[in-house]
Amino acid sequence: MPVKMIGLAELETDMAEIINRALTDCQTLTDDIRTVIQKEIERKTNSHSYSDSQMITVPDDSMLPRLEALAILEAEKFADALAKELDG
């Protein structure tokens, strides 16, 4: 099986691309989480047909920045772990 030799710069570029893709995926996930939360807030505030026992508790708009920050922190932890794993 032939072995492909690559330079350190090429390896660093490849690692950077992998990490950037992971961060993009995490940002997409953060956006999806924000969208779901906002839709649940809208559904809760626009729907009065549920009894109290059927209502779910969702965070209000004031919690969105904290949830975003938490999602970004998790994305950064994931990127750090991925970088460490790639570094060996």
N, C-alpha and C. Protein backbone atom coordinates (compact mmCIF):
# COMPACT_ATOMS: atom_id res chain seq x y z
N MET A 1 0.84 -1.16 0.00
CA MET A 1 0.00 0.00 0.00
C MET A 1 0.90 1.24 0.00
N PRO A 2 0.74 2.11 -0.99
CA PRO A 2 1.60 3.30 -1.05
C PRO A 2 1.27 4.28 0.08
N VAL A 3 2.29 4.94 0.54
CA VAL A 3 2.14 5.91 1.62
C VAL A 3 2.29 7.30 1.01
N LYS A 4 1.34 8.17 1.30
CA LYS A 4 1.40 9.54 0.79
C LYS A 4 2.10 10.40 1.83
N MET A 5 3.14 11.07 1.42
CA MET A 5 3.86 11.97 2.31
C MET A 5 3.25 13.37 2.16
N ILE A 6 2.94 13.99 3.27
CA ILE A 6 2.43 15.35 3.21
C ILE A 6 3.26 16.22 4.14
N GLY A 7 3.31 17.47 3.81
CA GLY A 7 4.07 18.41 4.63
C GLY A 7 3.28 18.86 5.84
N LEU A 8 4.00 19.42 6.79
CA LEU A 8 3.38 19.90 8.02
C LEU A 8 2.36 20.99 7.72
N ALA A 9 2.67 21.88 6.79
CA ALA A 9 1.74 22.96 6.46
C ALA A 9 0.44 22.39 5.90
N GLU A 10 0.55 21.37 5.05
CA GLU A 10 -0.65 20.75 4.47
C GLU A 10 -1.47 20.07 5.57
N LEU A 11 -0.80 19.42 6.50
CA LEU A 11 -1.48 18.76 7.61
C LEU A 11 -2.21 19.78 8.47
N GLU A 12 -1.54 20.90 8.76
CA GLU A 12 -2.17 21.95 9.56
C GLU A 12 -3.38 22.53 8.84
N THR A 13 -3.27 22.69 7.52
CA THR A 13 -4.39 23.19 6.73
C THR A 13 -5.55 22.22 6.79
N ASP A 14 -5.26 20.93 6.64
CA ASP A 14 -6.31 19.91 6.72
C ASP A 14 -6.98 19.92 8.09
N MET A 15 -6.18 20.03 9.14
CA MET A 15 -6.75 20.07 10.50
C MET A 15 -7.61 21.31 10.68
N ALA A 16 -7.15 22.44 10.17
CA ALA A 16 -7.92 23.68 10.29
C ALA A 16 -9.25 23.56 9.56
N GLU A 17 -9.24 22.92 8.39
CA GLU A 17 -10.49 22.73 7.65
C GLU A 17 -11.45 21.84 8.41
N ILE A 18 -10.94 20.78 9.03
CA ILE A 18 -11.79 19.87 9.81
C ILE A 18 -12.40 20.61 10.99
N ILE A 19 -11.59 21.39 11.68
CA ILE A 19 -12.08 22.14 12.84
C ILE A 19 -13.09 23.19 12.40
N ASN A 20 -12.83 23.87 11.29
CA ASN A 20 -13.78 24.87 10.79
C ASN A 20 -15.11 24.22 10.42
N ARG A 21 -15.06 23.03 9.81
CA ARG A 21 -16.30 22.33 9.49
C ARG A 21 -17.05 21.95 10.76
N ALA A 22 -16.31 21.50 11.78
CA ALA A 22 -16.94 21.13 13.05
C ALA A 22 -17.58 22.35 13.71
N LEU A 23 -16.88 23.49 13.68
CA LEU A 23 -17.45 24.71 14.26
C LEU A 23 -18.68 25.17 13.49
N THR A 24 -18.64 25.03 12.16
CA THR A 24 -19.80 25.38 11.34
C THR A 24 -20.98 24.48 11.70
N ASP A 25 -20.71 23.18 11.85
CA ASP A 25 -21.77 22.25 12.25
C ASP A 25 -22.34 22.63 13.61
N CYS A 26 -21.46 23.01 14.54
CA CYS A 26 -21.92 23.41 15.87
C CYS A 26 -22.72 24.70 15.80
N GLN A 27 -22.32 25.63 14.95
CA GLN A 27 -23.08 26.88 14.80
C GLN A 27 -24.45 26.59 14.22
N THR A 28 -24.50 25.66 13.24
CA THR A 28 -25.78 25.27 12.67
C THR A 28 -26.67 24.66 13.75
N LEU A 29 -26.08 23.82 14.59
CA LEU A 29 -26.83 23.22 15.69
C LEU A 29 -27.33 24.29 16.65
N THR A 30 -26.48 25.27 16.95
CA THR A 30 -26.89 26.37 17.82
C THR A 30 -28.07 27.12 17.22
N ASP A 31 -27.99 27.40 15.91
CA ASP A 31 -29.09 28.08 15.23
C ASP A 31 -30.37 27.25 15.28
N ASP A 32 -30.23 25.94 15.09
CA ASP A 32 -31.40 25.05 15.15
C ASP A 32 -32.02 25.06 16.54
N ILE A 33 -31.17 25.02 17.57
CA ILE A 33 -31.67 25.06 18.95
C ILE A 33 -32.42 26.37 19.18
N ARG A 34 -31.85 27.48 18.74
CA ARG A 34 -32.49 28.78 18.91
C ARG A 34 -33.86 28.80 18.21
N THR A 35 -33.92 28.26 17.00
CA THR A 35 -35.17 28.23 16.25
C THR A 35 -36.23 27.40 16.97
N VAL A 36 -35.84 26.24 17.46
CA VAL A 36 -36.79 25.38 18.18
C VAL A 36 -37.31 26.09 19.43
N ILE A 37 -36.41 26.73 20.17
CA ILE A 37 -36.83 27.43 21.39
C ILE A 37 -37.78 28.56 21.04
N GLN A 38 -37.45 29.33 20.01
CA GLN A 38 -38.32 30.44 19.62
C GLN A 38 -39.69 29.94 19.18
N LYS A 39 -39.74 28.83 18.44
CA LYS A 39 -41.02 28.28 18.00
C LYS A 39 -41.84 27.78 19.19
N GLU A 40 -41.17 27.18 20.17
CA GLU A 40 -41.88 26.72 21.37
C GLU A 40 -42.43 27.90 22.15
N ILE A 41 -41.65 28.98 22.22
CA ILE A 41 -42.13 30.18 22.91
C ILE A 41 -43.36 30.73 22.19
N GLU A 42 -43.28 30.81 20.86
CA GLU A 42 -44.42 31.30 20.09
C GLU A 42 -45.63 30.39 20.27
N ARG A 43 -45.40 29.09 20.24
CA ARG A 43 -46.50 28.14 20.38
C ARG A 43 -47.14 28.28 21.76
N LYS A 44 -46.32 28.46 22.77
CA LYS A 44 -46.85 28.58 24.13
C LYS A 44 -47.63 29.87 24.29
N THR A 45 -47.12 30.95 23.73
CA THR A 45 -47.80 32.24 23.91
C THR A 45 -49.02 32.38 23.00
N ASN A 46 -49.05 31.66 21.88
CA ASN A 46 -50.16 31.79 20.94
C ASN A 46 -51.24 30.73 21.13
N SER A 47 -51.01 29.75 21.97
CA SER A 47 -51.96 28.67 22.13
C SER A 47 -52.55 28.70 23.53
N HIS A 48 -53.86 28.87 23.57
CA HIS A 48 -54.54 28.87 24.86
C HIS A 48 -55.49 27.69 24.95
N SER A 49 -55.37 26.74 24.02
CA SER A 49 -56.29 25.62 23.99
C SER A 49 -55.84 24.46 24.88
N TYR A 50 -54.66 24.55 25.45
CA TYR A 50 -54.14 23.48 26.29
C TYR A 50 -54.53 23.72 27.75
N SER A 51 -54.78 22.65 28.45
CA SER A 51 -54.98 22.78 29.89
C SER A 51 -53.61 22.97 30.52
N ASP A 52 -53.58 23.38 31.76
CA ASP A 52 -52.30 23.60 32.44
C ASP A 52 -51.45 22.34 32.48
N SER A 53 -52.09 21.18 32.59
CA SER A 53 -51.33 19.94 32.66
C SER A 53 -50.71 19.57 31.31
N GLN A 54 -51.25 20.13 30.22
CA GLN A 54 -50.70 19.83 28.89
C GLN A 54 -49.65 20.84 28.45
N MET A 55 -49.59 21.96 29.14
CA MET A 55 -48.64 23.00 28.76
C MET A 55 -47.22 22.56 29.13
N ILE A 56 -46.29 22.94 28.30
CA ILE A 56 -44.89 22.67 28.62
C ILE A 56 -44.23 23.98 29.00
N THR A 57 -43.22 23.91 29.78
CA THR A 57 -42.48 25.10 30.18
C THR A 57 -41.31 25.27 29.23
N VAL A 58 -41.23 26.42 28.61
CA VAL A 58 -40.11 26.71 27.72
C VAL A 58 -39.46 28.00 28.20
N PRO A 59 -38.19 28.17 27.91
CA PRO A 59 -37.52 29.39 28.33
C PRO A 59 -38.06 30.61 27.59
N ASP A 60 -38.06 31.74 28.24
CA ASP A 60 -38.49 32.95 27.56
C ASP A 60 -37.32 33.57 26.81
N ASP A 61 -37.60 34.65 26.09
CA ASP A 61 -36.57 35.29 25.26
C ASP A 61 -35.35 35.73 26.05
N SER A 62 -35.52 36.04 27.33
CA SER A 62 -34.38 36.50 28.11
C SER A 62 -33.34 35.40 28.32
N MET A 63 -33.76 34.14 28.15
CA MET A 63 -32.82 33.03 28.33
C MET A 63 -32.06 32.69 27.05
N LEU A 64 -32.50 33.18 25.90
CA LEU A 64 -31.85 32.82 24.64
C LEU A 64 -30.36 33.15 24.62
N PRO A 65 -29.93 34.33 25.06
CA PRO A 65 -28.48 34.60 25.04
C PRO A 65 -27.69 33.61 25.89
N ARG A 66 -28.24 33.21 27.03
CA ARG A 66 -27.53 32.24 27.88
C ARG A 66 -27.48 30.87 27.21
N LEU A 67 -28.58 30.48 26.56
CA LEU A 67 -28.59 29.19 25.87
C LEU A 67 -27.63 29.21 24.69
N GLU A 68 -27.58 30.33 23.97
CA GLU A 68 -26.63 30.47 22.87
C GLU A 68 -25.21 30.36 23.38
N ALA A 69 -24.92 31.05 24.47
CA ALA A 69 -23.57 31.02 25.03
C ALA A 69 -23.20 29.60 25.45
N LEU A 70 -24.15 28.88 26.02
CA LEU A 70 -23.90 27.50 26.42
C LEU A 70 -23.63 26.63 25.20
N ALA A 71 -24.41 26.81 24.14
CA ALA A 71 -24.21 26.03 22.92
C ALA A 71 -22.85 26.35 22.30
N ILE A 72 -22.46 27.61 22.30
CA ILE A 72 -21.15 28.00 21.75
C ILE A 72 -20.03 27.41 22.60
N LEU A 73 -20.19 27.42 23.92
CA LEU A 73 -19.19 26.83 24.81
C LEU A 73 -19.04 25.34 24.51
N GLU A 74 -20.15 24.64 24.31
CA GLU A 74 -20.09 23.22 23.98
C GLU A 74 -19.41 23.01 22.63
N ALA A 75 -19.68 23.90 21.67
CA ALA A 75 -19.04 23.79 20.35
C ALA A 75 -17.53 23.99 20.48
N GLU A 76 -17.12 24.94 21.31
CA GLU A 76 -15.69 25.18 21.51
C GLU A 76 -15.03 23.99 22.19
N LYS A 77 -15.71 23.39 23.17
CA LYS A 77 -15.17 22.19 23.84
C LYS A 77 -15.00 21.07 22.82
N PHE A 78 -16.00 20.90 21.95
CA PHE A 78 -15.94 19.87 20.92
C PHE A 78 -14.76 20.13 19.98
N ALA A 79 -14.59 21.38 19.56
CA ALA A 79 -13.49 21.72 18.66
C ALA A 79 -12.14 21.48 19.32
N ASP A 80 -12.03 21.83 20.60
CA ASP A 80 -10.77 21.58 21.33
C ASP A 80 -10.48 20.09 21.44
N ALA A 81 -11.51 19.31 21.77
CA ALA A 81 -11.33 17.86 21.88
C ALA A 81 -10.94 17.26 20.53
N LEU A 82 -11.57 17.76 19.46
CA LEU A 82 -11.25 17.27 18.12
C LEU A 82 -9.81 17.62 17.76
N ALA A 83 -9.39 18.84 18.07
CA ALA A 83 -8.02 19.25 17.76
C ALA A 83 -7.02 18.41 18.53
N LYS A 84 -7.30 18.12 19.81
CA LYS A 84 -6.40 17.29 20.61
C LYS A 84 -6.33 15.87 20.04
N GLU A 85 -7.48 15.36 19.61
CA GLU A 85 -7.50 14.01 19.04
C GLU A 85 -6.71 13.96 17.74
N LEU A 86 -6.84 15.00 16.93
CA LEU A 86 -6.11 15.05 15.66
C LEU A 86 -4.61 15.24 15.90
N ASP A 87 -4.26 15.95 16.96
CA ASP A 87 -2.84 16.15 17.29
C ASP A 87 -2.20 14.85 17.77
N GLY A 88 -3.02 13.95 18.24
CA GLY A 88 -2.51 12.65 18.70
C GLY A 88 -2.18 12.75 20.11
